[in-house]
Amino acid sequence: MTRPRSHYSRGELRKARVLDAAVEVIADHGLEGVTHRAIAKAADVPLSTTSYFFSSLDELIGAAVTRIADGILQAAESLVADASTLRRADASIDDYVDRLVDVVTAPPGRQLLVQFEAYLGTTRRPDLIEPVQRIVDAYERAAATVLHSLGASEPEKAARHLVAVLDGFALQRIAHPRPDDREMLRDAVRLVARGHLGGAEPADPPSRSACS
C-alpha cells in the first residue's frame, strides 16, 4: 500500500532533521562521540527515530557525511557554471580566484569540522571513504575547470595542488583563526594558479559533462 504523500513528506523532513542533528553532534563531539541518544536529543525526536531511519550508527554517520558531500557538490557545480560566465566576461585571474575562494569559504565552520572529522575517520571507518572522496573529487573537478578556463596546460594536476592548499588553509583556520585568513588564502591561491599558468591565455571552459 502506498503511503500518503503528506506522510512521506513528514518522514523525509524528520529524516533530514536527524541528519542535521548528526552533523551538529559530530561537530560538537567528533565521530567517536556520536550516539543514537545524542542525535535524538539534538533533533528533539524519540530515541527510536534514529534506528527507524538507519539500521546502524555507522550508516547514520555515513549519511550525515554524505549530506555534507552533496552540499559541496552543489557548490562545486555552481563554480563550474560561473567559470563559463567569467570566461564570456573576459574576467581576470583575480576574478576567477575570488569566485573560487568565495565558494570554498562559504560552508559554515561547523560543516568544515565535520568534513575534516570525516577525512580522518576514513582510517577507521571504510564507509566514509566514498563520501569523502566525493568531496575531494568535486572540488578538484571544479578547480580543474577554472584552471582550464585560465589556460593551464595541466589543469587536473594544478587542481590537486590547489585543493591541497585550500584544505590546508581550512584546517588551519579551524585550529588558529586569524583576521587576515581570507586575504592570505586569496594570495596563496593566486600564487598556485599563476605558477601553473605561465604565459597561457584563457581557454573556453569544458562542458559540465567533461568535468564529471
N, C-alpha and C. Protein backbone atom coordinates (compact mmCIF):
# COMPACT_ATOMS: atom_id res chain seq x y z
N MET A 1 0.85 -1.20 0.00
CA MET A 1 0.00 0.00 0.00
C MET A 1 0.88 1.25 0.00
N THR A 2 0.61 2.19 -0.86
CA THR A 2 1.39 3.41 -0.95
C THR A 2 0.99 4.37 0.15
N ARG A 3 2.00 4.90 0.83
CA ARG A 3 1.71 5.85 1.90
C ARG A 3 1.28 7.19 1.32
N PRO A 4 0.42 7.89 2.03
CA PRO A 4 0.02 9.22 1.57
C PRO A 4 1.23 10.13 1.42
N ARG A 5 1.18 11.03 0.45
CA ARG A 5 2.31 11.92 0.20
C ARG A 5 2.66 12.75 1.43
N SER A 6 1.65 13.20 2.16
CA SER A 6 1.91 14.02 3.33
C SER A 6 2.70 13.24 4.37
N HIS A 7 2.38 11.93 4.50
CA HIS A 7 3.10 11.09 5.45
C HIS A 7 4.55 10.95 5.01
N TYR A 8 4.74 10.72 3.71
CA TYR A 8 6.09 10.60 3.16
C TYR A 8 6.88 11.88 3.39
N SER A 9 6.25 13.03 3.17
CA SER A 9 6.93 14.30 3.34
C SER A 9 7.33 14.51 4.79
N ARG A 10 6.44 14.18 5.70
CA ARG A 10 6.78 14.32 7.12
C ARG A 10 7.95 13.41 7.48
N GLY A 11 7.94 12.21 6.92
CA GLY A 11 9.02 11.28 7.19
C GLY A 11 10.35 11.79 6.66
N GLU A 12 10.35 12.34 5.46
CA GLU A 12 11.56 12.88 4.87
C GLU A 12 12.06 14.07 5.67
N LEU A 13 11.15 14.90 6.13
CA LEU A 13 11.54 16.06 6.93
C LEU A 13 12.16 15.61 8.25
N ARG A 14 11.57 14.59 8.84
CA ARG A 14 12.12 14.10 10.11
C ARG A 14 13.49 13.46 9.90
N LYS A 15 13.64 12.75 8.80
CA LYS A 15 14.94 12.14 8.48
C LYS A 15 15.99 13.22 8.27
N ALA A 16 15.63 14.28 7.56
CA ALA A 16 16.56 15.39 7.34
C ALA A 16 16.93 16.04 8.68
N ARG A 17 15.96 16.13 9.56
CA ARG A 17 16.20 16.71 10.89
C ARG A 17 17.21 15.86 11.67
N VAL A 18 17.08 14.55 11.55
CA VAL A 18 18.01 13.64 12.21
C VAL A 18 19.42 13.82 11.65
N LEU A 19 19.52 13.94 10.31
CA LEU A 19 20.83 14.10 9.68
C LEU A 19 21.47 15.44 10.07
N ASP A 20 20.67 16.49 10.11
CA ASP A 20 21.19 17.79 10.54
C ASP A 20 21.69 17.71 11.98
N ALA A 21 20.96 17.00 12.81
CA ALA A 21 21.38 16.83 14.20
C ALA A 21 22.67 16.02 14.28
N ALA A 22 22.80 15.01 13.42
CA ALA A 22 24.02 14.21 13.40
C ALA A 22 25.22 15.08 13.04
N VAL A 23 25.04 15.97 12.08
CA VAL A 23 26.12 16.90 11.72
C VAL A 23 26.52 17.74 12.92
N GLU A 24 25.54 18.23 13.66
CA GLU A 24 25.81 19.06 14.84
C GLU A 24 26.56 18.26 15.90
N VAL A 25 26.13 17.02 16.12
CA VAL A 25 26.77 16.19 17.15
C VAL A 25 28.21 15.86 16.75
N ILE A 26 28.43 15.56 15.48
CA ILE A 26 29.80 15.27 15.02
C ILE A 26 30.67 16.51 15.21
N ALA A 27 30.14 17.67 14.88
CA ALA A 27 30.91 18.91 15.04
C ALA A 27 31.24 19.17 16.51
N ASP A 28 30.31 18.85 17.41
CA ASP A 28 30.50 19.12 18.83
C ASP A 28 31.37 18.08 19.52
N HIS A 29 31.22 16.81 19.12
CA HIS A 29 31.84 15.72 19.89
C HIS A 29 32.76 14.82 19.08
N GLY A 30 32.88 15.08 17.79
CA GLY A 30 33.70 14.20 16.96
C GLY A 30 32.97 12.89 16.65
N LEU A 31 33.54 12.12 15.76
CA LEU A 31 32.90 10.87 15.35
C LEU A 31 32.74 9.90 16.51
N GLU A 32 33.72 9.88 17.40
CA GLU A 32 33.68 8.92 18.50
C GLU A 32 32.64 9.29 19.55
N GLY A 33 32.17 10.53 19.52
CA GLY A 33 31.18 10.95 20.50
C GLY A 33 29.75 10.84 20.02
N VAL A 34 29.58 10.27 18.83
CA VAL A 34 28.24 10.15 18.25
C VAL A 34 27.52 8.93 18.81
N THR A 35 26.30 9.15 19.30
CA THR A 35 25.45 8.05 19.76
C THR A 35 24.02 8.32 19.28
N HIS A 36 23.23 7.25 19.24
CA HIS A 36 21.82 7.42 18.87
C HIS A 36 21.14 8.39 19.83
N ARG A 37 21.46 8.26 21.10
CA ARG A 37 20.81 9.10 22.11
C ARG A 37 21.17 10.58 21.91
N ALA A 38 22.44 10.85 21.63
CA ALA A 38 22.88 12.24 21.45
C ALA A 38 22.21 12.86 20.23
N ILE A 39 22.10 12.09 19.17
CA ILE A 39 21.48 12.61 17.94
C ILE A 39 19.99 12.82 18.15
N ALA A 40 19.32 11.88 18.79
CA ALA A 40 17.89 12.02 19.04
C ALA A 40 17.61 13.25 19.91
N LYS A 41 18.47 13.48 20.90
CA LYS A 41 18.30 14.66 21.76
C LYS A 41 18.50 15.94 20.97
N ALA A 42 19.53 15.97 20.12
CA ALA A 42 19.79 17.17 19.32
C ALA A 42 18.68 17.43 18.31
N ALA A 43 18.07 16.36 17.80
CA ALA A 43 16.98 16.51 16.83
C ALA A 43 15.63 16.70 17.50
N ASP A 44 15.59 16.49 18.81
CA ASP A 44 14.34 16.59 19.58
C ASP A 44 13.30 15.61 19.04
N VAL A 45 13.74 14.36 18.89
CA VAL A 45 12.85 13.29 18.43
C VAL A 45 13.00 12.10 19.38
N PRO A 46 12.03 11.18 19.40
CA PRO A 46 12.16 9.99 20.23
C PRO A 46 13.40 9.19 19.84
N LEU A 47 13.96 8.50 20.81
CA LEU A 47 15.19 7.73 20.57
C LEU A 47 15.02 6.71 19.46
N SER A 48 13.84 6.14 19.33
CA SER A 48 13.60 5.12 18.32
C SER A 48 13.66 5.66 16.89
N THR A 49 13.56 6.98 16.74
CA THR A 49 13.52 7.58 15.41
C THR A 49 14.79 7.32 14.62
N THR A 50 15.94 7.41 15.29
CA THR A 50 17.20 7.25 14.57
C THR A 50 17.34 5.84 14.01
N SER A 51 16.96 4.84 14.79
CA SER A 51 17.06 3.46 14.32
C SER A 51 15.96 3.11 13.33
N TYR A 52 14.89 3.90 13.30
CA TYR A 52 13.83 3.69 12.31
C TYR A 52 14.35 4.03 10.91
N PHE A 53 15.11 5.10 10.83
CA PHE A 53 15.62 5.54 9.52
C PHE A 53 16.96 4.88 9.16
N PHE A 54 17.75 4.51 10.16
CA PHE A 54 19.09 3.99 9.90
C PHE A 54 19.32 2.71 10.71
N SER A 55 19.80 1.69 10.03
CA SER A 55 19.94 0.39 10.67
C SER A 55 21.11 0.33 11.65
N SER A 56 22.04 1.25 11.52
CA SER A 56 23.20 1.26 12.42
C SER A 56 23.72 2.68 12.57
N LEU A 57 24.54 2.87 13.59
CA LEU A 57 25.14 4.18 13.82
C LEU A 57 26.10 4.54 12.70
N ASP A 58 26.83 3.54 12.21
CA ASP A 58 27.75 3.78 11.10
C ASP A 58 27.00 4.26 9.86
N GLU A 59 25.84 3.68 9.59
CA GLU A 59 25.05 4.10 8.44
C GLU A 59 24.58 5.55 8.62
N LEU A 60 24.19 5.91 9.83
CA LEU A 60 23.72 7.27 10.10
C LEU A 60 24.87 8.26 9.91
N ILE A 61 26.04 7.93 10.43
CA ILE A 61 27.21 8.81 10.28
C ILE A 61 27.56 8.96 8.81
N GLY A 62 27.55 7.85 8.07
CA GLY A 62 27.84 7.91 6.65
C GLY A 62 26.86 8.79 5.90
N ALA A 63 25.58 8.70 6.27
CA ALA A 63 24.56 9.52 5.63
C ALA A 63 24.75 11.00 5.95
N ALA A 64 25.17 11.30 7.18
CA ALA A 64 25.41 12.70 7.56
C ALA A 64 26.58 13.29 6.77
N VAL A 65 27.64 12.50 6.62
CA VAL A 65 28.80 12.96 5.84
C VAL A 65 28.41 13.10 4.37
N THR A 66 27.60 12.18 3.88
CA THR A 66 27.12 12.26 2.50
C THR A 66 26.30 13.53 2.30
N ARG A 67 25.54 13.93 3.31
CA ARG A 67 24.75 15.18 3.24
C ARG A 67 25.69 16.38 3.05
N ILE A 68 26.80 16.37 3.77
CA ILE A 68 27.80 17.42 3.62
C ILE A 68 28.39 17.36 2.20
N ALA A 69 28.70 16.15 1.75
CA ALA A 69 29.29 15.98 0.42
C ALA A 69 28.35 16.48 -0.67
N ASP A 70 27.06 16.22 -0.53
CA ASP A 70 26.09 16.67 -1.52
C ASP A 70 26.05 18.19 -1.61
N GLY A 71 26.14 18.84 -0.45
CA GLY A 71 26.15 20.30 -0.45
C GLY A 71 27.40 20.85 -1.12
N ILE A 72 28.54 20.21 -0.89
CA ILE A 72 29.79 20.63 -1.51
C ILE A 72 29.73 20.41 -3.02
N LEU A 73 29.13 19.31 -3.42
CA LEU A 73 29.00 19.02 -4.85
C LEU A 73 28.17 20.10 -5.54
N GLN A 74 27.10 20.53 -4.92
CA GLN A 74 26.26 21.60 -5.50
C GLN A 74 27.06 22.90 -5.62
N ALA A 75 27.86 23.21 -4.60
CA ALA A 75 28.68 24.42 -4.64
C ALA A 75 29.72 24.32 -5.75
N ALA A 76 30.31 23.14 -5.90
CA ALA A 76 31.31 22.95 -6.95
C ALA A 76 30.68 23.08 -8.33
N GLU A 77 29.47 22.56 -8.49
CA GLU A 77 28.79 22.67 -9.78
C GLU A 77 28.47 24.14 -10.10
N SER A 78 28.15 24.91 -9.09
CA SER A 78 27.90 26.34 -9.33
C SER A 78 29.17 27.04 -9.78
N LEU A 79 30.31 26.57 -9.27
CA LEU A 79 31.58 27.15 -9.66
C LEU A 79 31.89 26.83 -11.12
N VAL A 80 31.55 25.62 -11.56
CA VAL A 80 31.74 25.24 -12.96
C VAL A 80 30.90 26.16 -13.85
N ALA A 81 29.67 26.41 -13.47
CA ALA A 81 28.80 27.30 -14.25
C ALA A 81 29.37 28.71 -14.26
N ASP A 82 29.90 29.16 -13.13
CA ASP A 82 30.45 30.51 -13.05
C ASP A 82 31.68 30.66 -13.94
N ALA A 83 32.44 29.56 -14.12
CA ALA A 83 33.63 29.64 -14.96
C ALA A 83 33.25 30.03 -16.38
N SER A 84 32.15 29.51 -16.87
CA SER A 84 31.67 29.86 -18.22
C SER A 84 31.28 31.33 -18.28
N THR A 85 30.58 31.79 -17.24
CA THR A 85 30.15 33.19 -17.20
C THR A 85 31.35 34.14 -17.15
N LEU A 86 32.32 33.81 -16.32
CA LEU A 86 33.50 34.65 -16.19
C LEU A 86 34.31 34.67 -17.48
N ARG A 87 34.36 33.53 -18.16
CA ARG A 87 35.10 33.48 -19.43
C ARG A 87 34.46 34.41 -20.46
N ARG A 88 33.15 34.38 -20.54
CA ARG A 88 32.45 35.23 -21.51
C ARG A 88 32.63 36.71 -21.18
N ALA A 89 32.85 37.00 -19.90
CA ALA A 89 33.03 38.39 -19.48
C ALA A 89 34.50 38.82 -19.51
N ASP A 90 35.37 37.96 -20.08
CA ASP A 90 36.81 38.26 -20.14
C ASP A 90 37.37 38.59 -18.77
N ALA A 91 37.00 37.77 -17.79
CA ALA A 91 37.42 38.01 -16.41
C ALA A 91 38.94 37.80 -16.26
N SER A 92 39.50 38.45 -15.26
CA SER A 92 40.92 38.31 -14.96
C SER A 92 41.15 37.10 -14.07
N ILE A 93 42.43 36.75 -13.89
CA ILE A 93 42.77 35.66 -12.98
C ILE A 93 42.23 35.95 -11.58
N ASP A 94 42.37 37.21 -11.16
CA ASP A 94 41.90 37.57 -9.82
C ASP A 94 40.39 37.36 -9.69
N ASP A 95 39.63 37.61 -10.75
CA ASP A 95 38.18 37.40 -10.72
C ASP A 95 37.86 35.92 -10.50
N TYR A 96 38.57 35.06 -11.21
CA TYR A 96 38.37 33.62 -11.05
C TYR A 96 38.73 33.18 -9.64
N VAL A 97 39.87 33.66 -9.18
CA VAL A 97 40.34 33.27 -7.85
C VAL A 97 39.36 33.74 -6.77
N ASP A 98 38.88 34.97 -6.90
CA ASP A 98 37.93 35.50 -5.92
C ASP A 98 36.68 34.62 -5.84
N ARG A 99 36.19 34.20 -7.00
CA ARG A 99 34.99 33.36 -7.01
C ARG A 99 35.28 31.99 -6.39
N LEU A 100 36.44 31.43 -6.71
CA LEU A 100 36.81 30.14 -6.14
C LEU A 100 36.92 30.22 -4.62
N VAL A 101 37.57 31.25 -4.14
CA VAL A 101 37.72 31.42 -2.69
C VAL A 101 36.36 31.65 -2.03
N ASP A 102 35.48 32.41 -2.68
CA ASP A 102 34.14 32.63 -2.14
C ASP A 102 33.40 31.31 -1.94
N VAL A 103 33.51 30.42 -2.92
CA VAL A 103 32.79 29.14 -2.86
C VAL A 103 33.35 28.24 -1.76
N VAL A 104 34.67 28.13 -1.69
CA VAL A 104 35.25 27.18 -0.74
C VAL A 104 35.23 27.69 0.69
N THR A 105 35.06 29.01 0.88
CA THR A 105 34.98 29.53 2.25
C THR A 105 33.55 29.76 2.70
N ALA A 106 32.58 29.45 1.82
CA ALA A 106 31.17 29.68 2.16
C ALA A 106 30.63 28.72 3.22
N PRO A 107 31.01 27.41 3.20
CA PRO A 107 30.42 26.50 4.18
C PRO A 107 30.67 26.96 5.62
N PRO A 108 29.65 26.83 6.48
CA PRO A 108 29.82 27.21 7.89
C PRO A 108 30.96 26.44 8.54
N GLY A 109 31.55 27.06 9.55
CA GLY A 109 32.68 26.42 10.23
C GLY A 109 32.36 25.04 10.77
N ARG A 110 31.13 24.85 11.23
CA ARG A 110 30.76 23.54 11.79
C ARG A 110 30.76 22.48 10.69
N GLN A 111 30.38 22.87 9.49
CA GLN A 111 30.42 21.92 8.39
C GLN A 111 31.86 21.52 8.09
N LEU A 112 32.78 22.48 8.18
CA LEU A 112 34.19 22.17 7.97
C LEU A 112 34.69 21.19 9.02
N LEU A 113 34.24 21.37 10.26
CA LEU A 113 34.63 20.44 11.32
C LEU A 113 34.24 19.01 10.96
N VAL A 114 33.01 18.85 10.49
CA VAL A 114 32.53 17.51 10.11
C VAL A 114 33.32 16.99 8.92
N GLN A 115 33.61 17.86 7.96
CA GLN A 115 34.38 17.45 6.78
C GLN A 115 35.73 16.88 7.19
N PHE A 116 36.44 17.55 8.07
CA PHE A 116 37.77 17.07 8.46
C PHE A 116 37.69 15.91 9.45
N GLU A 117 36.65 15.86 10.24
CA GLU A 117 36.43 14.66 11.06
C GLU A 117 36.28 13.44 10.14
N ALA A 118 35.54 13.64 9.05
CA ALA A 118 35.33 12.54 8.10
C ALA A 118 36.63 12.16 7.40
N TYR A 119 37.43 13.16 7.03
CA TYR A 119 38.72 12.88 6.40
C TYR A 119 39.54 11.93 7.29
N LEU A 120 39.66 12.31 8.56
CA LEU A 120 40.44 11.49 9.49
C LEU A 120 39.75 10.17 9.79
N GLY A 121 38.42 10.19 9.77
CA GLY A 121 37.67 8.99 10.10
C GLY A 121 37.78 7.87 9.08
N THR A 122 38.23 8.19 7.85
CA THR A 122 38.33 7.14 6.83
C THR A 122 39.33 6.05 7.22
N THR A 123 40.27 6.38 8.10
CA THR A 123 41.24 5.37 8.51
C THR A 123 40.62 4.30 9.41
N ARG A 124 39.48 4.64 10.03
CA ARG A 124 38.82 3.69 10.93
C ARG A 124 37.44 3.27 10.47
N ARG A 125 36.88 4.03 9.54
CA ARG A 125 35.51 3.77 9.07
C ARG A 125 35.50 3.73 7.54
N PRO A 126 35.65 2.53 6.96
CA PRO A 126 35.68 2.41 5.49
C PRO A 126 34.44 2.98 4.81
N ASP A 127 33.30 3.00 5.52
CA ASP A 127 32.06 3.52 4.92
C ASP A 127 32.13 5.02 4.64
N LEU A 128 33.12 5.71 5.22
CA LEU A 128 33.27 7.14 4.98
C LEU A 128 34.13 7.44 3.75
N ILE A 129 34.81 6.43 3.24
CA ILE A 129 35.73 6.67 2.13
C ILE A 129 35.01 7.24 0.91
N GLU A 130 33.86 6.66 0.56
CA GLU A 130 33.15 7.11 -0.64
C GLU A 130 32.68 8.56 -0.54
N PRO A 131 31.98 8.97 0.52
CA PRO A 131 31.57 10.38 0.57
C PRO A 131 32.74 11.35 0.68
N VAL A 132 33.81 10.95 1.37
CA VAL A 132 34.98 11.82 1.47
C VAL A 132 35.64 11.99 0.10
N GLN A 133 35.75 10.90 -0.64
CA GLN A 133 36.33 11.00 -1.98
C GLN A 133 35.46 11.86 -2.90
N ARG A 134 34.15 11.81 -2.70
CA ARG A 134 33.25 12.68 -3.47
C ARG A 134 33.53 14.14 -3.18
N ILE A 135 33.80 14.47 -1.92
CA ILE A 135 34.11 15.85 -1.55
C ILE A 135 35.37 16.32 -2.26
N VAL A 136 36.43 15.53 -2.15
CA VAL A 136 37.71 15.91 -2.76
C VAL A 136 37.58 15.98 -4.28
N ASP A 137 36.94 14.97 -4.87
CA ASP A 137 36.80 14.94 -6.33
C ASP A 137 35.98 16.12 -6.84
N ALA A 138 34.93 16.50 -6.11
CA ALA A 138 34.09 17.62 -6.54
C ALA A 138 34.89 18.92 -6.58
N TYR A 139 35.67 19.16 -5.53
CA TYR A 139 36.48 20.37 -5.50
C TYR A 139 37.55 20.34 -6.60
N GLU A 140 38.16 19.17 -6.81
CA GLU A 140 39.21 19.08 -7.82
C GLU A 140 38.66 19.27 -9.23
N ARG A 141 37.47 18.71 -9.50
CA ARG A 141 36.87 18.90 -10.83
C ARG A 141 36.53 20.37 -11.07
N ALA A 142 35.98 21.01 -10.03
CA ALA A 142 35.64 22.43 -10.17
C ALA A 142 36.89 23.28 -10.37
N ALA A 143 37.92 23.01 -9.57
CA ALA A 143 39.17 23.76 -9.70
C ALA A 143 39.81 23.53 -11.06
N ALA A 144 39.75 22.29 -11.56
CA ALA A 144 40.32 21.97 -12.87
C ALA A 144 39.60 22.76 -13.96
N THR A 145 38.28 22.90 -13.83
CA THR A 145 37.51 23.67 -14.81
C THR A 145 37.94 25.13 -14.81
N VAL A 146 38.09 25.71 -13.62
CA VAL A 146 38.53 27.10 -13.52
C VAL A 146 39.92 27.26 -14.12
N LEU A 147 40.83 26.35 -13.79
CA LEU A 147 42.21 26.45 -14.27
C LEU A 147 42.31 26.22 -15.77
N HIS A 148 41.47 25.34 -16.29
CA HIS A 148 41.41 25.15 -17.74
C HIS A 148 40.95 26.45 -18.41
N SER A 149 39.96 27.09 -17.82
CA SER A 149 39.46 28.35 -18.36
C SER A 149 40.54 29.42 -18.39
N LEU A 150 41.46 29.33 -17.44
CA LEU A 150 42.55 30.30 -17.37
C LEU A 150 43.71 29.93 -18.30
N GLY A 151 43.66 28.73 -18.88
CA GLY A 151 44.70 28.33 -19.82
C GLY A 151 45.77 27.42 -19.26
N ALA A 152 45.54 26.79 -18.10
CA ALA A 152 46.53 25.88 -17.53
C ALA A 152 46.75 24.69 -18.45
N SER A 153 48.02 24.32 -18.66
CA SER A 153 48.32 23.20 -19.55
C SER A 153 48.01 21.86 -18.92
N GLU A 154 48.07 21.79 -17.60
CA GLU A 154 47.76 20.56 -16.86
C GLU A 154 46.75 20.88 -15.76
N PRO A 155 45.50 21.16 -16.13
CA PRO A 155 44.52 21.62 -15.13
C PRO A 155 44.24 20.62 -14.02
N GLU A 156 44.27 19.31 -14.33
CA GLU A 156 43.99 18.32 -13.28
C GLU A 156 45.10 18.31 -12.23
N LYS A 157 46.34 18.38 -12.69
CA LYS A 157 47.47 18.43 -11.76
C LYS A 157 47.43 19.71 -10.94
N ALA A 158 47.16 20.82 -11.62
CA ALA A 158 47.07 22.10 -10.92
C ALA A 158 45.95 22.08 -9.89
N ALA A 159 44.85 21.43 -10.24
CA ALA A 159 43.71 21.37 -9.33
C ALA A 159 44.06 20.62 -8.06
N ARG A 160 44.80 19.55 -8.18
CA ARG A 160 45.20 18.79 -6.98
C ARG A 160 46.05 19.66 -6.07
N HIS A 161 46.99 20.42 -6.66
CA HIS A 161 47.81 21.32 -5.85
C HIS A 161 46.93 22.37 -5.16
N LEU A 162 46.00 22.91 -5.92
CA LEU A 162 45.16 23.98 -5.40
C LEU A 162 44.26 23.50 -4.27
N VAL A 163 43.63 22.35 -4.44
CA VAL A 163 42.73 21.83 -3.41
C VAL A 163 43.50 21.47 -2.15
N ALA A 164 44.73 20.99 -2.31
CA ALA A 164 45.56 20.70 -1.13
C ALA A 164 45.82 21.99 -0.34
N VAL A 165 46.07 23.09 -1.05
CA VAL A 165 46.27 24.38 -0.39
C VAL A 165 44.98 24.83 0.31
N LEU A 166 43.85 24.69 -0.38
CA LEU A 166 42.57 25.10 0.19
C LEU A 166 42.26 24.30 1.45
N ASP A 167 42.46 22.99 1.40
CA ASP A 167 42.19 22.16 2.58
C ASP A 167 43.13 22.52 3.73
N GLY A 168 44.40 22.78 3.39
CA GLY A 168 45.36 23.15 4.43
C GLY A 168 44.96 24.44 5.12
N PHE A 169 44.54 25.42 4.34
CA PHE A 169 44.09 26.69 4.92
C PHE A 169 42.84 26.49 5.76
N ALA A 170 41.92 25.67 5.26
CA ALA A 170 40.68 25.43 6.01
C ALA A 170 40.97 24.80 7.35
N LEU A 171 41.86 23.82 7.36
CA LEU A 171 42.22 23.16 8.61
C LEU A 171 42.92 24.13 9.55
N GLN A 172 43.79 24.96 9.00
CA GLN A 172 44.49 25.93 9.83
C GLN A 172 43.53 26.96 10.43
N ARG A 173 42.51 27.37 9.64
CA ARG A 173 41.54 28.33 10.16
C ARG A 173 40.75 27.78 11.33
N ILE A 174 40.54 26.45 11.32
CA ILE A 174 39.85 25.82 12.44
C ILE A 174 40.73 25.87 13.69
N ALA A 175 42.01 25.53 13.51
CA ALA A 175 42.93 25.44 14.65
C ALA A 175 43.40 26.80 15.14
N HIS A 176 43.58 27.75 14.20
CA HIS A 176 44.16 29.04 14.58
C HIS A 176 43.62 30.15 13.67
N PRO A 177 42.36 30.52 13.86
CA PRO A 177 41.78 31.57 13.01
C PRO A 177 42.43 32.93 13.26
N ARG A 178 42.66 33.65 12.15
CA ARG A 178 43.26 34.97 12.23
C ARG A 178 42.50 35.95 11.33
N PRO A 179 42.56 37.25 11.63
CA PRO A 179 41.75 38.22 10.89
C PRO A 179 42.05 38.27 9.40
N ASP A 180 43.30 37.98 9.02
CA ASP A 180 43.67 38.12 7.61
C ASP A 180 43.63 36.79 6.86
N ASP A 181 42.93 35.78 7.42
CA ASP A 181 42.90 34.45 6.80
C ASP A 181 42.42 34.49 5.34
N ARG A 182 41.34 35.21 5.11
CA ARG A 182 40.76 35.24 3.76
C ARG A 182 41.73 35.88 2.76
N GLU A 183 42.35 36.97 3.17
CA GLU A 183 43.32 37.64 2.30
C GLU A 183 44.52 36.74 2.01
N MET A 184 44.99 36.05 3.03
CA MET A 184 46.13 35.15 2.85
C MET A 184 45.77 33.99 1.92
N LEU A 185 44.55 33.50 2.06
CA LEU A 185 44.11 32.42 1.20
C LEU A 185 44.07 32.87 -0.25
N ARG A 186 43.53 34.05 -0.49
CA ARG A 186 43.49 34.57 -1.87
C ARG A 186 44.90 34.68 -2.45
N ASP A 187 45.84 35.18 -1.64
CA ASP A 187 47.22 35.31 -2.11
C ASP A 187 47.80 33.94 -2.48
N ALA A 188 47.56 32.96 -1.62
CA ALA A 188 48.12 31.63 -1.86
C ALA A 188 47.52 30.99 -3.10
N VAL A 189 46.19 31.14 -3.28
CA VAL A 189 45.53 30.56 -4.45
C VAL A 189 46.03 31.23 -5.73
N ARG A 190 46.23 32.54 -5.69
CA ARG A 190 46.74 33.23 -6.87
C ARG A 190 48.14 32.76 -7.22
N LEU A 191 48.97 32.55 -6.21
CA LEU A 191 50.33 32.08 -6.46
C LEU A 191 50.33 30.69 -7.09
N VAL A 192 49.50 29.80 -6.57
CA VAL A 192 49.42 28.45 -7.13
C VAL A 192 48.89 28.49 -8.56
N ALA A 193 47.82 29.26 -8.77
CA ALA A 193 47.22 29.36 -10.10
C ALA A 193 48.23 29.91 -11.10
N ARG A 194 48.88 30.99 -10.77
CA ARG A 194 49.83 31.62 -11.70
C ARG A 194 51.04 30.72 -11.95
N GLY A 195 51.41 29.94 -10.94
CA GLY A 195 52.52 29.02 -11.13
C GLY A 195 52.24 27.97 -12.18
N HIS A 196 50.96 27.64 -12.36
CA HIS A 196 50.58 26.65 -13.37
C HIS A 196 50.19 27.29 -14.70
N LEU A 197 50.07 28.58 -14.72
CA LEU A 197 49.60 29.24 -15.94
C LEU A 197 50.73 29.74 -16.83
N GLY A 198 51.77 30.30 -16.22
CA GLY A 198 52.83 30.86 -17.03
C GLY A 198 52.27 31.96 -17.91
N GLY A 199 52.53 31.86 -19.22
CA GLY A 199 52.02 32.85 -20.15
C GLY A 199 50.80 32.38 -20.90
N ALA A 200 50.10 31.40 -20.34
CA ALA A 200 48.95 30.81 -21.04
C ALA A 200 47.82 31.82 -21.18
N GLU A 201 47.09 31.69 -22.26
CA GLU A 201 45.91 32.50 -22.49
C GLU A 201 44.67 31.75 -22.02
N PRO A 202 43.67 32.44 -21.47
CA PRO A 202 42.43 31.77 -21.06
C PRO A 202 41.81 31.01 -22.22
N ALA A 203 41.25 29.86 -21.89
CA ALA A 203 40.63 29.00 -22.90
C ALA A 203 39.15 28.86 -22.62
N ASP A 204 38.41 28.41 -23.62
CA ASP A 204 37.00 28.14 -23.40
C ASP A 204 36.86 27.02 -22.39
N PRO A 205 36.01 27.18 -21.38
CA PRO A 205 35.85 26.14 -20.37
C PRO A 205 35.20 24.90 -20.96
N PRO A 206 35.56 23.70 -20.44
CA PRO A 206 34.90 22.49 -20.92
C PRO A 206 33.48 22.44 -20.44
N SER A 207 32.67 21.61 -21.07
CA SER A 207 31.29 21.45 -20.63
C SER A 207 31.26 20.74 -19.30
N ARG A 208 30.12 20.82 -18.61
CA ARG A 208 29.99 20.14 -17.31
C ARG A 208 30.22 18.65 -17.44
N SER A 209 29.74 18.08 -18.53
CA SER A 209 29.87 16.63 -18.71
C SER A 209 31.33 16.22 -18.79
N ALA A 210 32.17 17.12 -19.33
CA ALA A 210 33.59 16.79 -19.47
C ALA A 210 34.30 16.82 -18.14
N CYS A 211 33.68 17.44 -17.14
CA CYS A 211 34.32 17.56 -15.82
C CYS A 211 33.69 16.63 -14.80
N SER A 212 32.76 15.80 -15.24
CA SER A 212 32.10 14.93 -14.27
C SER A 212 32.65 13.53 -14.34
